[in-house]
Amino acid sequence: MKDQVQYLFIDFEFTMPEGRANPQGFFAEIIEVGFVTVMGEEMNDQFSSFVAPVKFPQLTERCKNFLHISQEQVEQGMSFSELVSLLSSYEQKCPTTVVTWGNMDMKVLRQSCQRNGIEFPFKGKLIDLSMEYKRFFGDQNQTGLWKAVQAYGKEGTGKHHRALDDAITTYNIFKLVEKDKSYMKNHQPTTIGERIDLSQVLNNLAL
């Protein structure tokens, strides 16, 4: 990671319709946010909060059961405008690169900003780490967050589908992938001559 560039590893959890098919007019809204900021190799801020949905304030049973989130928790959470203002404050401090696992987080954030007439908080680079992971390892399909970290022989932090835990897990995978990229970039393949003693091979053939 470059000095002076702040990395923001962020994860959102969203509302869900009751059934798998979206009812007419329904769209996902952010109901939990978790993020960590990193500069250099140091993890600085950590933040976690529930967020009150605007258009569809009543959570479905499916959403509550899947995320283990209660109606009371989201009702006591920060407002969407407060969330955007907080994210914007990090962008204003210094150049910021935002890292997420998948493209859904920034897609929903951008759409929610448009629906609420609020400016999108990020102007810097946005990285979908799941796509970088997919390209680096040559996978045909995108890999889930916790499956990806387990492929490294590690375990995710805390509980899956809790925003802060997933944000920290994303940061941990980022470090592992960057380490692998650095190794591949700097690694010089050995020559045949370095791997075997050719003079010994020729002597053996002469016998």
N, C-alpha and C. Protein backbone atom coordinates (compact mmCIF):
# COMPACT_ATOMS: atom_id res chain seq x y z
N MET A 1 0.83 -1.20 0.00
CA MET A 1 0.00 0.00 0.00
C MET A 1 0.87 1.25 0.00
N LYS A 2 0.46 2.23 -0.70
CA LYS A 2 1.21 3.46 -0.78
C LYS A 2 0.91 4.34 0.42
N ASP A 3 1.97 4.99 0.93
CA ASP A 3 1.76 5.97 1.98
C ASP A 3 0.96 7.15 1.43
N GLN A 4 0.28 7.81 2.32
CA GLN A 4 -0.52 8.99 1.99
C GLN A 4 -1.82 8.66 1.26
N VAL A 5 -2.02 7.42 0.92
CA VAL A 5 -3.30 7.02 0.34
C VAL A 5 -4.07 6.24 1.40
N GLN A 6 -5.25 6.71 1.69
CA GLN A 6 -6.08 6.04 2.68
C GLN A 6 -6.95 4.99 1.99
N TYR A 7 -6.97 3.81 2.55
CA TYR A 7 -7.84 2.74 2.05
C TYR A 7 -9.02 2.61 3.00
N LEU A 8 -10.20 2.54 2.41
CA LEU A 8 -11.43 2.38 3.19
C LEU A 8 -12.05 1.04 2.79
N PHE A 9 -11.99 0.08 3.69
CA PHE A 9 -12.57 -1.23 3.45
C PHE A 9 -13.96 -1.23 4.07
N ILE A 10 -14.96 -1.40 3.22
CA ILE A 10 -16.33 -1.15 3.67
C ILE A 10 -17.27 -2.29 3.27
N ASP A 11 -18.26 -2.52 4.13
CA ASP A 11 -19.29 -3.52 3.84
C ASP A 11 -20.63 -3.00 4.32
N PHE A 12 -21.65 -3.25 3.51
CA PHE A 12 -23.02 -2.92 3.88
C PHE A 12 -23.85 -4.20 3.93
N GLU A 13 -24.89 -4.17 4.76
CA GLU A 13 -25.95 -5.17 4.70
C GLU A 13 -27.21 -4.45 4.25
N PHE A 14 -28.09 -5.19 3.55
CA PHE A 14 -29.23 -4.56 2.88
C PHE A 14 -30.57 -5.18 3.29
N THR A 15 -31.62 -4.42 3.03
CA THR A 15 -32.97 -4.97 3.17
C THR A 15 -33.21 -6.03 2.11
N MET A 16 -34.17 -6.92 2.38
CA MET A 16 -34.51 -7.99 1.44
C MET A 16 -36.03 -8.08 1.31
N PRO A 17 -36.52 -8.45 0.13
CA PRO A 17 -37.94 -8.72 0.00
C PRO A 17 -38.28 -10.01 0.73
N GLU A 18 -39.55 -10.25 0.98
CA GLU A 18 -39.94 -11.45 1.72
C GLU A 18 -39.65 -12.73 0.93
N GLY A 19 -39.97 -12.69 -0.36
CA GLY A 19 -39.70 -13.84 -1.21
C GLY A 19 -38.47 -13.59 -2.07
N ARG A 20 -38.09 -14.60 -2.82
CA ARG A 20 -36.92 -14.45 -3.69
C ARG A 20 -37.20 -13.51 -4.86
N ALA A 21 -38.44 -13.47 -5.28
CA ALA A 21 -38.79 -12.56 -6.38
C ALA A 21 -39.08 -11.17 -5.80
N ASN A 22 -38.45 -10.15 -6.38
CA ASN A 22 -38.66 -8.79 -5.90
C ASN A 22 -40.09 -8.33 -6.17
N PRO A 23 -40.82 -7.85 -5.15
CA PRO A 23 -42.14 -7.27 -5.42
C PRO A 23 -41.99 -5.99 -6.22
N GLN A 24 -43.02 -5.62 -6.91
CA GLN A 24 -42.95 -4.43 -7.75
C GLN A 24 -42.61 -3.19 -6.93
N GLY A 25 -41.60 -2.48 -7.39
CA GLY A 25 -41.20 -1.24 -6.72
C GLY A 25 -40.16 -1.41 -5.64
N PHE A 26 -39.91 -2.64 -5.19
CA PHE A 26 -38.95 -2.83 -4.11
C PHE A 26 -37.52 -2.62 -4.60
N PHE A 27 -36.70 -2.01 -3.75
CA PHE A 27 -35.27 -1.92 -4.01
C PHE A 27 -34.53 -2.02 -2.68
N ALA A 28 -33.31 -2.50 -2.75
CA ALA A 28 -32.51 -2.72 -1.54
C ALA A 28 -32.07 -1.40 -0.93
N GLU A 29 -32.07 -1.34 0.40
CA GLU A 29 -31.57 -0.18 1.13
C GLU A 29 -30.55 -0.65 2.17
N ILE A 30 -29.62 0.22 2.51
CA ILE A 30 -28.58 -0.10 3.49
C ILE A 30 -29.18 -0.08 4.89
N ILE A 31 -28.92 -1.15 5.65
CA ILE A 31 -29.40 -1.19 7.03
C ILE A 31 -28.27 -1.43 8.04
N GLU A 32 -27.07 -1.71 7.55
CA GLU A 32 -25.92 -1.81 8.44
C GLU A 32 -24.66 -1.44 7.68
N VAL A 33 -23.77 -0.74 8.35
CA VAL A 33 -22.49 -0.35 7.74
C VAL A 33 -21.36 -0.75 8.67
N GLY A 34 -20.28 -1.22 8.09
CA GLY A 34 -19.05 -1.47 8.84
C GLY A 34 -17.88 -1.11 7.96
N PHE A 35 -16.89 -0.42 8.51
CA PHE A 35 -15.70 -0.12 7.70
C PHE A 35 -14.48 0.05 8.59
N VAL A 36 -13.34 -0.14 7.96
CA VAL A 36 -12.05 0.14 8.61
C VAL A 36 -11.24 1.01 7.66
N THR A 37 -10.44 1.91 8.21
CA THR A 37 -9.54 2.72 7.39
C THR A 37 -8.11 2.26 7.63
N VAL A 38 -7.34 2.25 6.56
CA VAL A 38 -5.95 1.79 6.61
C VAL A 38 -5.08 2.77 5.85
N MET A 39 -3.97 3.16 6.47
CA MET A 39 -2.97 3.98 5.79
C MET A 39 -1.60 3.38 6.06
N GLY A 40 -0.84 3.17 5.01
CA GLY A 40 0.40 2.42 5.16
C GLY A 40 0.03 0.98 5.47
N GLU A 41 0.52 0.46 6.57
CA GLU A 41 0.15 -0.87 7.02
C GLU A 41 -0.66 -0.83 8.31
N GLU A 42 -1.10 0.37 8.68
CA GLU A 42 -1.77 0.53 9.96
C GLU A 42 -3.29 0.64 9.79
N MET A 43 -4.02 -0.19 10.53
CA MET A 43 -5.47 -0.05 10.58
C MET A 43 -5.79 1.04 11.59
N ASN A 44 -6.50 2.06 11.15
CA ASN A 44 -6.79 3.20 12.00
C ASN A 44 -8.21 3.12 12.57
N ASP A 45 -9.15 3.74 11.92
CA ASP A 45 -10.51 3.78 12.44
C ASP A 45 -11.27 2.49 12.13
N GLN A 46 -12.17 2.15 13.05
CA GLN A 46 -13.17 1.11 12.83
C GLN A 46 -14.52 1.71 13.15
N PHE A 47 -15.52 1.39 12.34
CA PHE A 47 -16.85 1.95 12.58
C PHE A 47 -17.91 0.92 12.25
N SER A 48 -18.95 0.89 13.08
CA SER A 48 -20.06 -0.02 12.86
C SER A 48 -21.35 0.64 13.33
N SER A 49 -22.39 0.54 12.53
CA SER A 49 -23.67 1.11 12.93
C SER A 49 -24.80 0.51 12.09
N PHE A 50 -25.98 0.45 12.70
CA PHE A 50 -27.16 0.14 11.91
C PHE A 50 -27.61 1.43 11.24
N VAL A 51 -28.37 1.27 10.16
CA VAL A 51 -28.85 2.41 9.38
C VAL A 51 -30.34 2.24 9.15
N ALA A 52 -31.10 3.28 9.42
CA ALA A 52 -32.55 3.22 9.25
C ALA A 52 -32.92 3.34 7.77
N PRO A 53 -33.61 2.35 7.20
CA PRO A 53 -34.02 2.45 5.80
C PRO A 53 -35.08 3.55 5.62
N VAL A 54 -35.11 4.13 4.44
CA VAL A 54 -35.98 5.28 4.19
C VAL A 54 -37.31 4.87 3.54
N LYS A 55 -37.23 4.19 2.41
CA LYS A 55 -38.42 3.89 1.61
C LYS A 55 -39.20 2.71 2.16
N PHE A 56 -38.49 1.68 2.59
CA PHE A 56 -39.13 0.48 3.12
C PHE A 56 -38.63 0.25 4.55
N PRO A 57 -39.17 1.02 5.51
CA PRO A 57 -38.64 0.98 6.88
C PRO A 57 -38.92 -0.32 7.63
N GLN A 58 -39.94 -1.06 7.22
CA GLN A 58 -40.30 -2.30 7.92
C GLN A 58 -39.51 -3.47 7.33
N LEU A 59 -38.69 -4.11 8.14
CA LEU A 59 -37.92 -5.24 7.67
C LEU A 59 -38.80 -6.47 7.48
N THR A 60 -38.49 -7.25 6.48
CA THR A 60 -39.21 -8.51 6.27
C THR A 60 -38.68 -9.57 7.23
N GLU A 61 -39.47 -10.60 7.45
CA GLU A 61 -39.03 -11.70 8.30
C GLU A 61 -37.81 -12.38 7.71
N ARG A 62 -37.78 -12.51 6.41
CA ARG A 62 -36.63 -13.13 5.74
C ARG A 62 -35.36 -12.35 6.03
N CYS A 63 -35.44 -11.03 5.96
CA CYS A 63 -34.27 -10.17 6.20
C CYS A 63 -33.81 -10.30 7.64
N LYS A 64 -34.74 -10.24 8.59
CA LYS A 64 -34.38 -10.32 10.01
C LYS A 64 -33.76 -11.66 10.35
N ASN A 65 -34.31 -12.73 9.78
CA ASN A 65 -33.79 -14.07 10.08
C ASN A 65 -32.43 -14.30 9.43
N PHE A 66 -32.25 -13.83 8.20
CA PHE A 66 -30.99 -14.07 7.49
C PHE A 66 -29.84 -13.29 8.10
N LEU A 67 -30.10 -12.03 8.46
CA LEU A 67 -29.04 -11.17 8.99
C LEU A 67 -28.99 -11.13 10.51
N HIS A 68 -29.99 -11.74 11.17
CA HIS A 68 -30.08 -11.70 12.63
C HIS A 68 -30.08 -10.25 13.12
N ILE A 69 -30.93 -9.47 12.47
CA ILE A 69 -31.09 -8.05 12.79
C ILE A 69 -32.54 -7.82 13.19
N SER A 70 -32.77 -7.02 14.21
CA SER A 70 -34.14 -6.74 14.66
C SER A 70 -34.64 -5.41 14.12
N GLN A 71 -35.94 -5.26 14.12
CA GLN A 71 -36.55 -4.01 13.69
C GLN A 71 -36.09 -2.85 14.58
N GLU A 72 -36.00 -3.11 15.88
CA GLU A 72 -35.60 -2.07 16.83
C GLU A 72 -34.17 -1.59 16.56
N GLN A 73 -33.29 -2.50 16.18
CA GLN A 73 -31.90 -2.11 15.92
C GLN A 73 -31.79 -1.12 14.77
N VAL A 74 -32.49 -1.40 13.67
CA VAL A 74 -32.38 -0.49 12.53
C VAL A 74 -33.10 0.83 12.80
N GLU A 75 -34.17 0.79 13.56
CA GLU A 75 -34.90 2.02 13.88
C GLU A 75 -34.06 2.95 14.75
N GLN A 76 -33.16 2.38 15.54
CA GLN A 76 -32.29 3.18 16.40
C GLN A 76 -30.97 3.53 15.71
N GLY A 77 -30.80 3.09 14.46
CA GLY A 77 -29.57 3.35 13.74
C GLY A 77 -29.48 4.77 13.20
N MET A 78 -28.36 5.09 12.61
CA MET A 78 -28.15 6.41 12.01
C MET A 78 -29.01 6.56 10.77
N SER A 79 -29.25 7.78 10.35
CA SER A 79 -30.01 8.02 9.13
C SER A 79 -29.11 7.83 7.92
N PHE A 80 -29.72 7.65 6.76
CA PHE A 80 -28.93 7.48 5.55
C PHE A 80 -28.10 8.73 5.26
N SER A 81 -28.67 9.90 5.48
CA SER A 81 -27.93 11.14 5.22
C SER A 81 -26.73 11.27 6.16
N GLU A 82 -26.87 10.81 7.41
CA GLU A 82 -25.75 10.82 8.34
C GLU A 82 -24.64 9.88 7.87
N LEU A 83 -25.05 8.73 7.33
CA LEU A 83 -24.07 7.78 6.80
C LEU A 83 -23.27 8.40 5.67
N VAL A 84 -23.94 9.02 4.72
CA VAL A 84 -23.25 9.60 3.58
C VAL A 84 -22.33 10.73 4.03
N SER A 85 -22.79 11.53 4.99
CA SER A 85 -21.96 12.62 5.50
C SER A 85 -20.69 12.08 6.16
N LEU A 86 -20.83 10.97 6.90
CA LEU A 86 -19.67 10.36 7.55
C LEU A 86 -18.67 9.85 6.51
N LEU A 87 -19.17 9.14 5.50
CA LEU A 87 -18.29 8.61 4.46
C LEU A 87 -17.59 9.73 3.70
N SER A 88 -18.32 10.80 3.45
CA SER A 88 -17.77 11.94 2.74
C SER A 88 -16.64 12.59 3.53
N SER A 89 -16.75 12.58 4.86
CA SER A 89 -15.72 13.21 5.70
C SER A 89 -14.38 12.50 5.56
N TYR A 90 -14.39 11.20 5.33
CA TYR A 90 -13.13 10.47 5.12
C TYR A 90 -12.53 10.80 3.76
N GLU A 91 -13.39 10.93 2.77
CA GLU A 91 -12.94 11.30 1.43
C GLU A 91 -12.27 12.67 1.44
N GLN A 92 -12.77 13.56 2.27
CA GLN A 92 -12.26 14.93 2.31
C GLN A 92 -10.92 15.05 3.05
N LYS A 93 -10.60 14.08 3.92
CA LYS A 93 -9.36 14.15 4.69
C LYS A 93 -8.14 13.96 3.82
N CYS A 94 -8.19 12.99 2.92
CA CYS A 94 -7.05 12.67 2.07
C CYS A 94 -7.52 11.76 0.94
N PRO A 95 -6.70 11.59 -0.12
CA PRO A 95 -7.10 10.71 -1.22
C PRO A 95 -7.47 9.32 -0.68
N THR A 96 -8.62 8.84 -1.09
CA THR A 96 -9.15 7.61 -0.53
C THR A 96 -9.48 6.60 -1.62
N THR A 97 -9.03 5.37 -1.42
CA THR A 97 -9.39 4.25 -2.29
C THR A 97 -10.35 3.36 -1.51
N VAL A 98 -11.52 3.12 -2.07
CA VAL A 98 -12.55 2.33 -1.42
C VAL A 98 -12.48 0.89 -1.93
N VAL A 99 -12.44 -0.07 -1.00
CA VAL A 99 -12.35 -1.48 -1.36
C VAL A 99 -13.55 -2.23 -0.81
N THR A 100 -14.26 -2.95 -1.67
CA THR A 100 -15.39 -3.77 -1.26
C THR A 100 -15.23 -5.16 -1.85
N TRP A 101 -15.99 -6.10 -1.32
CA TRP A 101 -16.03 -7.44 -1.90
C TRP A 101 -17.32 -7.53 -2.72
N GLY A 102 -17.19 -7.44 -4.04
CA GLY A 102 -18.36 -7.40 -4.91
C GLY A 102 -18.73 -5.96 -5.23
N ASN A 103 -19.62 -5.81 -6.22
CA ASN A 103 -20.00 -4.46 -6.66
C ASN A 103 -21.32 -3.97 -6.07
N MET A 104 -21.97 -4.80 -5.27
CA MET A 104 -23.30 -4.47 -4.76
C MET A 104 -23.26 -3.29 -3.80
N ASP A 105 -22.22 -3.22 -2.98
CA ASP A 105 -22.16 -2.16 -1.96
C ASP A 105 -22.20 -0.76 -2.58
N MET A 106 -21.32 -0.54 -3.55
CA MET A 106 -21.26 0.78 -4.18
C MET A 106 -22.47 1.02 -5.09
N LYS A 107 -23.00 -0.04 -5.67
CA LYS A 107 -24.18 0.09 -6.53
C LYS A 107 -25.38 0.57 -5.72
N VAL A 108 -25.62 -0.07 -4.58
CA VAL A 108 -26.76 0.32 -3.74
C VAL A 108 -26.53 1.71 -3.13
N LEU A 109 -25.30 1.99 -2.72
CA LEU A 109 -25.00 3.31 -2.17
C LEU A 109 -25.26 4.39 -3.20
N ARG A 110 -24.80 4.17 -4.42
CA ARG A 110 -24.99 5.17 -5.48
C ARG A 110 -26.48 5.36 -5.79
N GLN A 111 -27.22 4.27 -5.91
CA GLN A 111 -28.64 4.35 -6.22
C GLN A 111 -29.42 5.04 -5.09
N SER A 112 -29.02 4.72 -3.85
CA SER A 112 -29.70 5.34 -2.70
C SER A 112 -29.42 6.84 -2.65
N CYS A 113 -28.21 7.24 -2.99
CA CYS A 113 -27.89 8.66 -3.05
C CYS A 113 -28.76 9.36 -4.09
N GLN A 114 -28.90 8.74 -5.25
CA GLN A 114 -29.72 9.33 -6.32
C GLN A 114 -31.17 9.45 -5.89
N ARG A 115 -31.70 8.41 -5.25
CA ARG A 115 -33.11 8.42 -4.82
C ARG A 115 -33.37 9.45 -3.73
N ASN A 116 -32.35 9.73 -2.92
CA ASN A 116 -32.52 10.68 -1.82
C ASN A 116 -31.98 12.07 -2.13
N GLY A 117 -31.53 12.28 -3.37
CA GLY A 117 -31.04 13.59 -3.77
C GLY A 117 -29.79 14.00 -3.04
N ILE A 118 -28.91 13.03 -2.74
CA ILE A 118 -27.66 13.29 -2.01
C ILE A 118 -26.47 12.95 -2.91
N GLU A 119 -25.44 13.76 -2.86
CA GLU A 119 -24.27 13.52 -3.69
C GLU A 119 -23.53 12.26 -3.23
N PHE A 120 -23.12 11.44 -4.18
CA PHE A 120 -22.34 10.24 -3.90
C PHE A 120 -21.04 10.66 -3.20
N PRO A 121 -20.68 10.03 -2.08
CA PRO A 121 -19.59 10.55 -1.24
C PRO A 121 -18.17 10.31 -1.75
N PHE A 122 -18.00 9.42 -2.72
CA PHE A 122 -16.64 9.06 -3.12
C PHE A 122 -16.29 9.56 -4.52
N LYS A 123 -15.10 10.13 -4.63
CA LYS A 123 -14.61 10.62 -5.93
C LYS A 123 -13.35 9.89 -6.37
N GLY A 124 -12.76 9.11 -5.47
CA GLY A 124 -11.52 8.41 -5.77
C GLY A 124 -11.75 7.04 -6.38
N LYS A 125 -10.74 6.21 -6.29
CA LYS A 125 -10.75 4.88 -6.90
C LYS A 125 -11.63 3.93 -6.10
N LEU A 126 -12.41 3.12 -6.82
CA LEU A 126 -13.25 2.09 -6.22
C LEU A 126 -12.73 0.73 -6.68
N ILE A 127 -12.43 -0.16 -5.75
CA ILE A 127 -11.90 -1.48 -6.09
C ILE A 127 -12.89 -2.55 -5.68
N ASP A 128 -13.27 -3.40 -6.63
CA ASP A 128 -14.05 -4.59 -6.33
C ASP A 128 -13.05 -5.72 -6.15
N LEU A 129 -12.73 -6.05 -4.90
CA LEU A 129 -11.69 -7.03 -4.62
C LEU A 129 -12.06 -8.42 -5.12
N SER A 130 -13.35 -8.73 -5.17
CA SER A 130 -13.75 -10.06 -5.65
C SER A 130 -13.37 -10.26 -7.11
N MET A 131 -13.42 -9.18 -7.91
CA MET A 131 -13.02 -9.28 -9.32
C MET A 131 -11.50 -9.39 -9.45
N GLU A 132 -10.76 -8.66 -8.62
CA GLU A 132 -9.30 -8.78 -8.64
C GLU A 132 -8.88 -10.19 -8.22
N TYR A 133 -9.55 -10.73 -7.23
CA TYR A 133 -9.28 -12.11 -6.79
C TYR A 133 -9.57 -13.09 -7.92
N LYS A 134 -10.70 -12.89 -8.58
CA LYS A 134 -11.11 -13.76 -9.69
C LYS A 134 -10.08 -13.74 -10.83
N ARG A 135 -9.63 -12.54 -11.19
CA ARG A 135 -8.65 -12.42 -12.28
C ARG A 135 -7.30 -12.99 -11.88
N PHE A 136 -6.89 -12.74 -10.64
CA PHE A 136 -5.57 -13.18 -10.19
C PHE A 136 -5.47 -14.70 -10.17
N PHE A 137 -6.53 -15.36 -9.72
CA PHE A 137 -6.49 -16.82 -9.61
C PHE A 137 -7.10 -17.53 -10.82
N GLY A 138 -7.61 -16.75 -11.78
CA GLY A 138 -8.16 -17.34 -12.99
C GLY A 138 -9.44 -18.11 -12.77
N ASP A 139 -10.19 -17.75 -11.75
CA ASP A 139 -11.45 -18.43 -11.49
C ASP A 139 -12.49 -18.06 -12.54
N GLN A 140 -13.35 -19.01 -12.86
CA GLN A 140 -14.42 -18.73 -13.83
C GLN A 140 -15.55 -17.95 -13.17
N ASN A 141 -15.82 -18.24 -11.91
CA ASN A 141 -16.91 -17.59 -11.21
C ASN A 141 -16.38 -16.77 -10.04
N GLN A 142 -17.14 -15.77 -9.65
CA GLN A 142 -16.76 -14.99 -8.48
C GLN A 142 -16.91 -15.83 -7.22
N THR A 143 -15.99 -15.67 -6.30
CA THR A 143 -15.96 -16.44 -5.06
C THR A 143 -16.54 -15.62 -3.93
N GLY A 144 -17.28 -16.27 -3.05
CA GLY A 144 -17.81 -15.59 -1.88
C GLY A 144 -16.70 -15.16 -0.94
N LEU A 145 -16.97 -14.15 -0.13
CA LEU A 145 -15.96 -13.55 0.74
C LEU A 145 -15.31 -14.59 1.66
N TRP A 146 -16.10 -15.31 2.40
CA TRP A 146 -15.53 -16.22 3.38
C TRP A 146 -14.95 -17.47 2.72
N LYS A 147 -15.48 -17.86 1.59
CA LYS A 147 -14.89 -18.97 0.85
C LYS A 147 -13.50 -18.58 0.35
N ALA A 148 -13.35 -17.33 -0.05
CA ALA A 148 -12.06 -16.84 -0.54
C ALA A 148 -11.00 -16.85 0.56
N VAL A 149 -11.37 -16.40 1.75
CA VAL A 149 -10.38 -16.35 2.83
C VAL A 149 -10.05 -17.77 3.30
N GLN A 150 -11.02 -18.68 3.23
CA GLN A 150 -10.76 -20.07 3.61
C GLN A 150 -9.85 -20.76 2.61
N ALA A 151 -9.88 -20.30 1.35
CA ALA A 151 -8.99 -20.86 0.34
C ALA A 151 -7.52 -20.56 0.68
N TYR A 152 -7.30 -19.54 1.48
CA TYR A 152 -5.95 -19.21 1.96
C TYR A 152 -5.60 -19.97 3.24
N GLY A 153 -6.51 -20.82 3.68
CA GLY A 153 -6.27 -21.53 4.93
C GLY A 153 -6.55 -20.69 6.16
N LYS A 154 -7.29 -19.59 5.97
CA LYS A 154 -7.62 -18.69 7.08
C LYS A 154 -9.12 -18.77 7.36
N GLU A 155 -9.54 -18.09 8.39
CA GLU A 155 -10.95 -17.97 8.72
C GLU A 155 -11.35 -16.51 8.73
N GLY A 156 -12.61 -16.24 8.43
CA GLY A 156 -13.10 -14.88 8.46
C GLY A 156 -13.12 -14.35 9.89
N THR A 157 -13.19 -13.03 10.02
CA THR A 157 -13.24 -12.39 11.33
C THR A 157 -14.68 -12.31 11.82
N GLY A 158 -14.93 -12.78 13.05
CA GLY A 158 -16.26 -12.64 13.63
C GLY A 158 -17.31 -13.47 12.92
N LYS A 159 -18.42 -12.83 12.57
CA LYS A 159 -19.55 -13.53 11.95
C LYS A 159 -19.78 -13.02 10.53
N HIS A 160 -20.01 -13.95 9.63
CA HIS A 160 -20.33 -13.58 8.25
C HIS A 160 -21.67 -12.85 8.23
N HIS A 161 -21.78 -11.86 7.35
CA HIS A 161 -22.97 -11.03 7.18
C HIS A 161 -23.18 -10.10 8.38
N ARG A 162 -22.11 -9.79 9.12
CA ARG A 162 -22.09 -8.64 9.99
C ARG A 162 -21.12 -7.67 9.35
N ALA A 163 -21.56 -6.44 9.16
CA ALA A 163 -20.86 -5.51 8.26
C ALA A 163 -19.40 -5.27 8.67
N LEU A 164 -19.15 -5.00 9.94
CA LEU A 164 -17.77 -4.70 10.34
C LEU A 164 -16.88 -5.94 10.21
N ASP A 165 -17.40 -7.10 10.60
CA ASP A 165 -16.63 -8.34 10.47
C ASP A 165 -16.28 -8.61 9.01
N ASP A 166 -17.22 -8.40 8.12
CA ASP A 166 -16.96 -8.62 6.69
C ASP A 166 -15.98 -7.59 6.14
N ALA A 167 -16.05 -6.36 6.63
CA ALA A 167 -15.10 -5.33 6.18
C ALA A 167 -13.68 -5.69 6.60
N ILE A 168 -13.50 -6.18 7.84
CA ILE A 168 -12.17 -6.58 8.31
C ILE A 168 -11.68 -7.80 7.54
N THR A 169 -12.58 -8.73 7.26
CA THR A 169 -12.21 -9.91 6.46
C THR A 169 -11.77 -9.50 5.06
N THR A 170 -12.45 -8.52 4.48
CA THR A 170 -12.05 -8.00 3.17
C THR A 170 -10.65 -7.43 3.22
N TYR A 171 -10.33 -6.70 4.27
CA TYR A 171 -8.98 -6.14 4.43
C TYR A 171 -7.95 -7.26 4.55
N ASN A 172 -8.28 -8.30 5.29
CA ASN A 172 -7.34 -9.42 5.46
C ASN A 172 -7.07 -10.13 4.13
N ILE A 173 -8.11 -10.31 3.30
CA ILE A 173 -7.91 -10.92 1.99
C ILE A 173 -7.07 -10.00 1.10
N PHE A 174 -7.33 -8.70 1.19
CA PHE A 174 -6.57 -7.73 0.40
C PHE A 174 -5.08 -7.87 0.68
N LYS A 175 -4.71 -7.99 1.95
CA LYS A 175 -3.30 -8.14 2.32
C LYS A 175 -2.71 -9.41 1.72
N LEU A 176 -3.48 -10.50 1.76
CA LEU A 176 -3.00 -11.78 1.23
C LEU A 176 -2.81 -11.72 -0.28
N VAL A 177 -3.77 -11.11 -0.98
CA VAL A 177 -3.68 -11.00 -2.44
C VAL A 177 -2.52 -10.09 -2.83
N GLU A 178 -2.36 -8.96 -2.13
CA GLU A 178 -1.26 -8.05 -2.44
C GLU A 178 0.10 -8.73 -2.22
N LYS A 179 0.19 -9.55 -1.19
CA LYS A 179 1.43 -10.28 -0.92
C LYS A 179 1.73 -11.25 -2.06
N ASP A 180 0.69 -11.94 -2.55
CA ASP A 180 0.88 -12.87 -3.67
C ASP A 180 1.27 -12.14 -4.94
N LYS A 181 0.64 -11.00 -5.19
CA LYS A 181 0.97 -10.20 -6.37
C LYS A 181 2.42 -9.75 -6.34
N SER A 182 2.86 -9.30 -5.16
CA SER A 182 4.23 -8.84 -5.00
C SER A 182 5.20 -9.98 -5.24
N TYR A 183 4.88 -11.15 -4.75
CA TYR A 183 5.75 -12.32 -4.94
C TYR A 183 5.85 -12.66 -6.42
N MET A 184 4.71 -12.70 -7.11
CA MET A 184 4.70 -13.05 -8.53
C MET A 184 5.46 -12.04 -9.36
N LYS A 185 5.38 -10.76 -8.96
CA LYS A 185 6.05 -9.70 -9.70
C LYS A 185 7.56 -9.77 -9.55
N ASN A 186 8.01 -10.10 -8.33
CA ASN A 186 9.44 -10.08 -8.03
C ASN A 186 10.13 -11.43 -8.22
N HIS A 187 9.32 -12.48 -8.34
CA HIS A 187 9.90 -13.82 -8.42
C HIS A 187 10.51 -14.05 -9.81
N GLN A 188 11.75 -14.44 -9.84
CA GLN A 188 12.42 -14.76 -11.10
C GLN A 188 12.48 -16.27 -11.27
N PRO A 189 11.91 -16.80 -12.34
CA PRO A 189 11.94 -18.25 -12.54
C PRO A 189 13.38 -18.76 -12.60
N THR A 190 13.62 -19.89 -11.99
CA THR A 190 14.95 -20.48 -12.03
C THR A 190 15.20 -21.10 -13.40
N THR A 191 16.46 -21.10 -13.82
CA THR A 191 16.82 -21.75 -15.08
C THR A 191 17.10 -23.22 -14.83
N ILE A 192 17.13 -24.00 -15.91
CA ILE A 192 17.43 -25.42 -15.77
C ILE A 192 18.79 -25.61 -15.13
N GLY A 193 19.73 -24.76 -15.51
CA GLY A 193 21.08 -24.86 -14.96
C GLY A 193 21.12 -24.63 -13.46
N GLU A 194 20.19 -23.82 -12.94
CA GLU A 194 20.14 -23.59 -11.51
C GLU A 194 19.48 -24.72 -10.76
N ARG A 195 18.64 -25.47 -11.48
CA ARG A 195 17.91 -26.55 -10.82
C ARG A 195 18.70 -27.85 -10.78
N ILE A 196 19.55 -28.13 -11.80
CA ILE A 196 20.28 -29.38 -11.85
C ILE A 196 21.74 -29.12 -12.20
N ASP A 197 22.59 -29.99 -11.78
CA ASP A 197 24.02 -29.91 -12.10
C ASP A 197 24.24 -30.62 -13.43
N LEU A 198 24.38 -29.83 -14.51
CA LEU A 198 24.49 -30.42 -15.84
C LEU A 198 25.74 -31.26 -15.99
N SER A 199 26.84 -30.88 -15.33
CA SER A 199 28.06 -31.66 -15.48
C SER A 199 27.87 -33.07 -14.91
N GLN A 200 27.12 -33.18 -13.83
CA GLN A 200 26.87 -34.50 -13.25
C GLN A 200 26.00 -35.34 -14.17
N VAL A 201 25.02 -34.69 -14.80
CA VAL A 201 24.14 -35.41 -15.73
C VAL A 201 24.95 -35.95 -16.91
N LEU A 202 25.83 -35.13 -17.45
CA LEU A 202 26.65 -35.57 -18.60
C LEU A 202 27.59 -36.70 -18.21
N ASN A 203 28.15 -36.63 -17.01
CA ASN A 203 29.02 -37.71 -16.55
C ASN A 203 28.26 -39.02 -16.41
N ASN A 204 27.05 -38.94 -15.92
CA ASN A 204 26.24 -40.14 -15.75
C ASN A 204 25.89 -40.74 -17.11
N LEU A 205 25.61 -39.86 -18.10
CA LEU A 205 25.28 -40.35 -19.43
C LEU A 205 26.48 -41.01 -20.07
N ALA A 206 27.69 -40.58 -19.75
CA ALA A 206 28.91 -41.15 -20.36
C ALA A 206 29.23 -42.53 -19.82
N LEU A 207 28.68 -42.88 -18.66
CA LEU A 207 29.00 -44.19 -18.08
C LEU A 207 28.31 -45.32 -18.81
